[in-house]
Protein backbone atom coordinates (compact mmCIF):
# COMPACT_ATOMS: atom_id res chain seq x y z
CA MET A 1 156.44 94.01 -73.92
CA SER A 2 154.57 91.29 -71.54
CA ASP A 3 154.44 87.75 -72.68
CA LYS A 4 151.29 87.16 -70.38
CA LYS A 5 148.34 85.72 -72.30
CA GLU A 6 145.22 88.06 -72.05
CA LYS A 7 142.68 86.57 -69.88
CA ARG A 8 139.48 85.41 -71.67
CA VAL A 9 136.20 87.03 -70.69
CA THR A 10 133.75 84.78 -69.19
CA LEU A 11 129.93 84.83 -68.89
CA GLN A 12 130.48 85.33 -65.18
CA ASP A 13 132.30 88.53 -65.89
CA VAL A 14 129.50 89.76 -68.16
CA ALA A 15 126.93 88.91 -65.49
CA LYS A 16 128.83 90.96 -62.81
CA ASP A 17 129.29 93.80 -64.97
CA ALA A 18 125.66 93.99 -66.03
CA GLY A 19 124.51 93.37 -62.35
CA VAL A 20 122.51 90.26 -63.08
CA SER A 21 123.06 86.52 -62.30
CA ARG A 22 125.05 84.26 -64.59
CA ALA A 23 121.80 82.26 -65.08
CA THR A 24 120.03 85.46 -66.47
CA ALA A 25 123.10 86.28 -68.60
CA SER A 26 123.04 82.71 -70.08
CA LEU A 27 119.40 82.96 -70.92
CA VAL A 28 120.13 86.18 -72.84
CA VAL A 29 123.01 84.76 -74.87
CA ARG A 30 120.74 81.77 -75.87
CA GLY A 31 118.09 83.98 -77.17
CA SER A 32 115.53 83.27 -74.37
CA SER A 33 112.03 84.91 -74.69
CA SER A 34 111.62 85.02 -70.86
CA ILE A 35 114.09 87.92 -70.34
CA THR A 36 112.75 91.62 -70.48
CA GLU A 37 114.17 93.86 -73.23
CA GLN A 38 115.75 96.22 -70.59
CA THR A 39 117.88 93.32 -69.10
CA LYS A 40 118.89 92.13 -72.64
CA GLN A 41 120.17 95.49 -73.43
CA LYS A 42 122.07 95.65 -70.30
CA VAL A 43 123.62 92.21 -70.85
CA HIS A 44 124.55 92.89 -74.56
CA ALA A 45 126.14 96.26 -73.70
CA SER A 46 128.35 94.42 -71.02
CA MET A 47 129.27 91.84 -73.80
CA ASN A 48 130.26 94.54 -76.11
CA LYS A 49 132.22 96.67 -73.39
CA LEU A 50 134.11 93.50 -72.35
CA GLY A 51 134.45 91.74 -75.60
CA TYR A 52 132.58 88.65 -74.68
CA VAL A 53 132.11 86.16 -77.45
CA TYR A 54 129.59 83.17 -76.94
CA ASP A 55 131.13 79.95 -77.88
CA ARG A 56 128.18 77.88 -79.19
CA VAL A 57 130.43 74.81 -80.13
CA ALA A 58 131.87 74.68 -76.77
CA ALA A 59 128.42 75.14 -75.08
CA SER A 60 127.04 72.24 -77.40
CA PHE A 61 129.89 70.06 -76.31
CA ARG A 62 129.50 70.77 -72.62
CA SER A 63 125.73 69.80 -72.74
CA ARG A 64 126.50 66.71 -74.81
CA ARG A 65 123.32 67.64 -76.90
CA SER A 66 122.40 68.56 -80.43
CA SER A 67 119.33 69.99 -81.99
CA THR A 68 118.25 66.49 -83.07
CA VAL A 69 115.08 64.86 -81.74
CA GLY A 70 114.68 61.10 -81.77
CA ILE A 71 111.20 59.64 -82.83
CA ILE A 72 110.61 56.00 -82.03
CA ILE A 73 107.40 54.33 -83.43
CA THR A 74 106.23 50.91 -83.81
CA ASP A 75 105.72 50.57 -87.60
CA ILE A 76 105.91 53.35 -90.28
CA GLY A 77 103.93 50.97 -92.46
CA ASN A 78 100.82 51.85 -90.51
CA PRO A 79 99.34 54.81 -92.21
CA PHE A 80 98.31 56.30 -88.82
CA PHE A 81 101.99 56.77 -87.90
CA SER A 82 102.95 58.12 -91.42
CA GLU A 83 100.29 60.83 -91.16
CA LEU A 84 101.31 61.53 -87.56
CA LEU A 85 105.00 61.87 -88.63
CA ALA A 86 104.24 64.21 -91.43
CA ASN A 87 102.83 66.77 -89.06
CA LEU A 88 105.35 66.04 -86.22
CA GLN A 89 108.41 66.44 -88.42
CA ASP A 90 107.03 69.58 -90.15
CA ARG A 91 106.46 71.32 -86.74
CA LEU A 92 109.94 70.18 -85.59
CA ASP A 93 111.40 71.59 -88.60
CA GLU A 94 109.59 74.84 -87.91
CA LEU A 95 111.09 74.80 -84.46
CA GLY A 96 114.62 74.26 -85.72
CA TYR A 97 115.16 70.57 -85.02
CA THR A 98 116.32 67.70 -87.08
CA THR A 99 115.12 64.19 -86.58
CA LEU A 100 116.31 60.68 -86.09
CA LEU A 101 113.63 58.01 -86.71
CA GLY A 102 113.55 54.55 -85.42
CA MET A 103 111.00 51.64 -85.54
CA THR A 104 110.39 48.88 -83.08
CA PHE A 105 107.97 46.69 -84.63
CA GLU A 106 106.61 45.91 -81.08
CA SER A 107 109.93 44.43 -79.96
CA GLU A 108 111.25 45.76 -76.64
CA THR A 109 114.79 44.56 -77.65
CA LYS A 110 114.66 46.65 -80.90
CA GLN A 111 113.28 49.62 -78.92
CA GLU A 112 116.29 49.39 -76.46
CA ARG A 113 118.82 49.19 -79.42
CA VAL A 114 117.12 52.28 -81.17
CA LEU A 115 117.01 54.12 -77.95
CA GLU A 116 120.67 53.50 -77.23
CA THR A 117 121.71 54.67 -80.75
CA MET A 118 119.73 57.84 -80.24
CA LEU A 119 121.41 58.59 -76.97
CA GLU A 120 124.88 57.91 -78.50
CA HIS A 121 123.93 60.65 -80.98
CA HIS A 122 123.19 62.93 -78.11
CA VAL A 123 119.41 63.76 -79.07
CA CYS A 124 118.09 66.74 -77.23
CA GLY A 125 114.72 64.94 -76.65
CA ILE A 126 112.67 61.80 -77.61
CA ILE A 127 109.08 61.47 -78.80
CA MET A 128 107.93 57.76 -78.73
CA ALA A 129 105.03 55.25 -79.16
CA PRO A 130 106.36 52.66 -76.62
CA VAL A 131 106.04 49.02 -77.28
CA ALA A 132 103.88 46.82 -75.04
CA GLY A 133 105.45 45.97 -71.68
CA THR A 134 108.17 48.75 -71.82
CA ASN A 135 110.41 48.71 -68.78
CA PRO A 136 109.65 51.76 -66.53
CA ALA A 137 113.51 51.78 -66.14
CA VAL A 138 113.82 53.28 -69.51
CA PHE A 139 112.12 56.50 -68.31
CA ALA A 140 114.24 56.54 -65.24
CA ARG A 141 117.36 56.52 -67.26
CA LEU A 142 116.12 59.23 -69.60
CA LYS A 143 115.26 61.45 -66.57
CA HIS A 144 118.75 60.72 -65.23
CA LEU A 145 120.43 61.90 -68.39
CA ASN A 146 118.15 64.87 -68.70
CA VAL A 147 116.55 63.84 -71.99
CA PRO A 148 112.97 64.94 -72.08
CA CYS A 149 110.56 62.43 -73.38
CA VAL A 150 106.84 62.71 -74.75
CA LEU A 151 104.93 59.57 -75.30
CA ILE A 152 102.25 59.18 -77.91
CA GLY A 153 99.24 56.86 -77.81
CA ARG A 154 100.25 54.62 -75.23
CA GLU A 155 101.05 55.33 -71.36
CA ILE A 156 103.32 53.30 -69.20
CA SER A 157 101.74 52.41 -65.85
CA GLY A 158 103.57 54.06 -62.77
CA VAL A 159 105.53 56.28 -65.05
CA GLN A 160 105.27 59.98 -64.87
CA VAL A 161 106.05 61.11 -68.40
CA ASP A 162 104.48 63.76 -70.75
CA TYR A 163 101.71 62.04 -72.80
CA ILE A 164 99.87 62.90 -75.99
CA GLY A 165 96.79 60.88 -76.95
CA THR A 166 92.84 60.70 -77.31
CA ASP A 167 90.02 59.57 -75.13
CA PHE A 168 90.00 56.05 -76.41
CA LYS A 169 87.45 54.99 -73.71
CA TRP A 170 84.88 57.59 -74.88
CA GLY A 171 85.70 56.94 -78.57
CA THR A 172 84.84 53.35 -78.20
CA GLN A 173 81.77 54.06 -76.16
CA MET A 174 80.54 56.36 -78.90
CA ALA A 175 81.01 53.54 -81.55
CA VAL A 176 79.17 51.04 -79.24
CA ARG A 177 76.38 53.52 -78.85
CA HIS A 178 76.12 54.36 -82.66
CA LEU A 179 75.71 50.49 -83.47
CA ALA A 180 73.25 49.97 -80.65
CA ASP A 181 71.03 52.81 -81.88
CA GLN A 182 70.61 50.83 -85.08
CA GLY A 183 69.44 47.84 -83.30
CA HIS A 184 72.67 45.75 -83.02
CA LYS A 185 72.70 43.41 -79.96
CA ARG A 186 75.89 41.21 -80.82
CA ILE A 187 78.62 43.72 -81.21
CA ALA A 188 82.19 42.45 -81.19
CA LEU A 189 85.54 44.17 -80.29
CA LEU A 190 88.35 43.03 -82.47
CA GLY A 191 92.03 43.39 -82.39
CA GLY A 192 94.56 45.22 -80.08
CA THR A 193 97.21 44.26 -77.81
CA PRO A 194 96.16 43.34 -74.40
CA HIS A 195 97.59 44.92 -71.24
CA THR A 196 98.48 48.21 -72.88
CA SER A 197 96.80 51.45 -71.88
CA ALA A 198 95.20 52.07 -75.42
CA TYR A 199 93.58 48.47 -75.37
CA ASN A 200 92.39 48.70 -71.79
CA GLU A 201 90.70 52.29 -72.32
CA ARG A 202 89.02 50.86 -75.40
CA LEU A 203 87.85 47.64 -73.54
CA ALA A 204 86.53 49.79 -70.78
CA GLY A 205 84.54 52.04 -73.24
CA TYR A 206 83.28 48.96 -74.87
CA HIS A 207 81.80 47.54 -71.65
CA GLU A 208 80.35 51.04 -70.82
CA GLY A 209 78.72 51.44 -73.90
CA LEU A 210 77.03 48.04 -73.88
CA GLU A 211 75.97 48.86 -70.24
CA ILE A 212 74.50 52.16 -71.32
CA SER A 213 72.65 50.45 -74.28
CA ARG A 214 71.47 47.60 -71.93
CA ILE A 215 73.26 44.84 -74.13
CA PRO A 216 74.63 41.83 -72.12
CA ALA A 217 78.34 41.52 -72.37
CA ASP A 218 79.58 38.54 -74.15
CA TYR A 219 83.34 37.91 -73.61
CA GLN A 220 83.61 35.70 -76.63
CA GLN A 221 82.90 38.71 -78.60
CA VAL A 222 86.19 40.36 -77.48
CA ILE A 223 89.00 39.09 -79.63
CA PRO A 224 92.50 40.60 -79.37
CA GLY A 225 95.10 40.31 -81.81
CA PRO A 226 98.14 42.28 -83.44
CA PRO A 227 96.76 45.67 -84.84
CA THR A 228 97.50 44.76 -88.55
CA ARG A 229 95.53 44.06 -91.68
CA GLU A 230 96.29 40.36 -91.48
CA SER A 231 94.99 40.03 -88.06
CA GLY A 232 91.67 41.52 -88.93
CA SER A 233 91.24 39.26 -91.87
CA ILE A 234 92.26 36.23 -89.91
CA ILE A 235 89.93 37.10 -86.90
CA ILE A 236 86.87 37.51 -89.14
CA SER A 237 87.45 34.47 -91.22
CA GLU A 238 87.69 32.33 -88.02
CA LEU A 239 84.32 33.77 -86.91
CA VAL A 240 82.62 33.10 -90.19
CA GLN A 241 84.00 29.47 -90.37
CA GLN A 242 82.99 28.88 -86.73
CA GLY A 243 79.46 30.25 -87.43
CA LYS A 244 79.89 33.06 -84.84
CA LEU A 245 79.74 36.10 -86.94
CA PRO A 246 78.35 38.94 -85.01
CA THR A 247 76.18 41.58 -86.51
CA ALA A 248 78.60 44.48 -85.81
CA ALA A 249 82.20 44.83 -84.91
CA ILE A 250 84.47 47.58 -83.65
CA CYS A 251 88.05 47.41 -84.61
CA HIS A 252 91.05 48.37 -82.66
CA ASN A 253 92.09 50.58 -85.46
CA ASP A 254 91.41 51.24 -89.17
CA ILE A 255 94.08 48.81 -90.22
CA VAL A 256 92.35 46.02 -88.48
CA ALA A 257 88.95 47.18 -89.99
CA LEU A 258 90.44 47.25 -93.62
CA GLY A 259 91.62 43.73 -92.96
CA VAL A 260 88.19 42.71 -91.80
CA ILE A 261 86.70 44.14 -95.07
CA VAL A 262 89.23 41.88 -96.93
CA GLY A 263 88.42 38.85 -94.92
CA LEU A 264 84.71 39.22 -95.32
CA ARG A 265 85.23 39.48 -99.19
CA GLU A 266 87.10 36.35 -99.16
CA ASN A 267 84.21 34.66 -97.58
CA ARG A 268 81.70 36.16 -99.99
CA LEU A 269 80.40 38.69 -97.51
CA VAL A 270 80.14 42.39 -97.74
CA ALA A 271 81.22 44.89 -94.91
CA GLY A 272 78.25 47.27 -94.26
CA LYS A 273 75.48 44.64 -95.39
CA ASP A 274 76.64 41.50 -93.76
CA LEU A 275 78.60 42.96 -90.85
CA ALA A 276 78.30 46.65 -89.63
CA LEU A 277 81.86 47.82 -89.03
CA VAL A 278 83.59 50.57 -87.18
CA GLY A 279 87.35 51.56 -87.23
CA PHE A 280 89.40 53.73 -85.09
CA ASP A 281 91.78 56.51 -86.04
CA ASP A 282 90.31 57.98 -89.23
CA ILE A 283 93.35 57.45 -91.58
CA LYS A 284 93.00 58.68 -95.24
CA GLU A 285 92.38 55.29 -96.59
CA ALA A 286 89.26 54.95 -94.26
CA ALA A 287 87.42 57.56 -96.59
CA THR A 288 88.38 55.81 -99.89
CA ALA A 289 87.74 52.14 -98.79
CA ASN A 290 84.98 50.13 -100.36
CA PRO A 291 82.58 50.62 -98.38
CA GLY A 292 83.57 53.84 -96.83
CA LEU A 293 84.76 53.09 -93.24
CA THR A 294 82.94 54.45 -90.33
CA THR A 295 85.58 55.40 -87.69
CA ILE A 296 86.59 57.27 -84.56
CA ALA A 297 88.79 60.19 -85.71
CA VAL A 298 91.57 60.98 -83.30
CA GLY A 299 93.35 63.68 -84.97
CA SER A 300 96.66 62.14 -85.65
CA GLY A 301 98.22 65.14 -87.22
CA GLN A 302 97.24 67.28 -84.14
CA TRP A 303 99.03 64.56 -82.02
CA GLY A 304 102.35 65.28 -83.89
CA ILE A 305 102.02 69.10 -83.41
CA GLU A 306 101.26 68.90 -79.86
CA ALA A 307 104.05 66.43 -79.14
CA ALA A 308 106.49 68.62 -80.92
CA ASN A 309 105.38 71.67 -79.20
CA LEU A 310 105.52 70.10 -75.73
CA LEU A 311 108.95 68.68 -76.17
CA HIS A 312 110.22 72.03 -77.56
CA GLU A 313 108.92 73.55 -74.27
CA ARG A 314 110.95 70.95 -72.16
CA ILE A 315 114.04 71.50 -74.20
CA SER A 316 114.02 75.25 -74.26
CA PRO A 317 116.52 77.11 -72.24
CA GLU A 318 113.90 78.35 -69.77
CA ALA A 319 113.00 74.78 -68.74
CA SER A 320 116.62 74.34 -67.21
CA GLU A 321 116.23 77.35 -65.03
CA ARG A 322 112.81 76.72 -63.52
CA ALA A 323 111.48 74.07 -61.00
CA PRO A 324 110.55 70.81 -62.64
CA LEU A 325 106.91 70.73 -63.97
CA GLU A 326 104.36 67.98 -63.50
CA ALA A 327 104.24 65.57 -66.47
CA ALA A 328 101.63 66.90 -68.99
CA ARG A 329 98.82 64.64 -70.26
CA ILE A 330 97.21 66.24 -73.36
CA ILE A 331 94.14 64.33 -74.25
CA LEU A 332 92.44 65.48 -77.65
CA PRO A 333 88.77 64.63 -78.17
CA PRO A 334 87.67 61.82 -80.44
CA LYS A 335 84.95 62.33 -83.11
CA LEU A 336 82.66 59.68 -84.78
CA VAL A 337 82.76 59.87 -88.45
CA ILE A 338 80.12 57.84 -89.97
CA ARG A 339 80.27 56.21 -93.43
CA GLU A 340 78.56 53.37 -95.29
CA SER A 341 80.23 50.50 -93.49
CA SER A 342 78.00 50.95 -90.53
CA THR A 343 74.86 52.28 -92.10
CA HIS A 344 73.71 49.61 -94.89
CA PHE A 345 73.42 46.40 -92.63
CA MET A 346 70.68 44.23 -94.04
CA GLY A 347 70.09 41.97 -90.86
CA VAL A 348 68.60 44.43 -88.03
CA HIS A 349 65.11 44.93 -88.41
């Protein structure tokens, strides 16, 4: 009786017996949908014949990957992100992924720490809303590590990375024209972080809207600030105290607009009557606010679904077998949703 250990059957042995490449055999054992049924049958027949067993644990170890997706956002306290996350996580769950969630609070240092933790857990991909001023080297590193990344809401200049967002420029232009059509000539743009793609696109749409409506631009009416409730309240209170209240305002997002409503109330003014107001995002609270908030709907839930689908496409076995694709840029159309905050103004005649 021989003491010689029986040789383990390899995937290369299966491929040779089936008359296919090792790459094709690998796609079959991983359940790829890109392989014909006839080829699948040939490979499975050879696996049975040779007694090949696919070691998924070893394969996972070799790839240093898991089925976990890292999600990085700025602040879950913003209802926009909580609504986006609900759809994003539901779709990732349907696709068979688990998730790790990290928050940055607009801190590049926190973002680096969260990202490092996710890489230590060998995430198979990352979906992130990057902080302002994110170093492009972050994405060069992810590419080197072969970790697919999808950006949401903000693009980083000079970086070719998959992106999901909306047409902020067109959305802001729609808001300006909506207010101009009602006779407003002093329209402010409130809130937002300068030098980010989302802010720059809104600013461009604001100026284009003014130009189309033949309203002279007034740079004193453009007031950036953190995209928070507190920021909206502070900005509007300062305008009231300075005697520089415009007749209408477009806010960077609905959260800033809700802060403006509070700030007006604290100064015994009423949104909609003393200031026509438009938000951006159409979070659920916009419809229940008092007054109801006119806003630009961006479809945050659809952002989540699109981001999950795109990342899954990048992670799938087929992706490693084909030439790299150009970065995708999926832009969802915005929609003007008109409510009381922009239609009950008492000062324009």
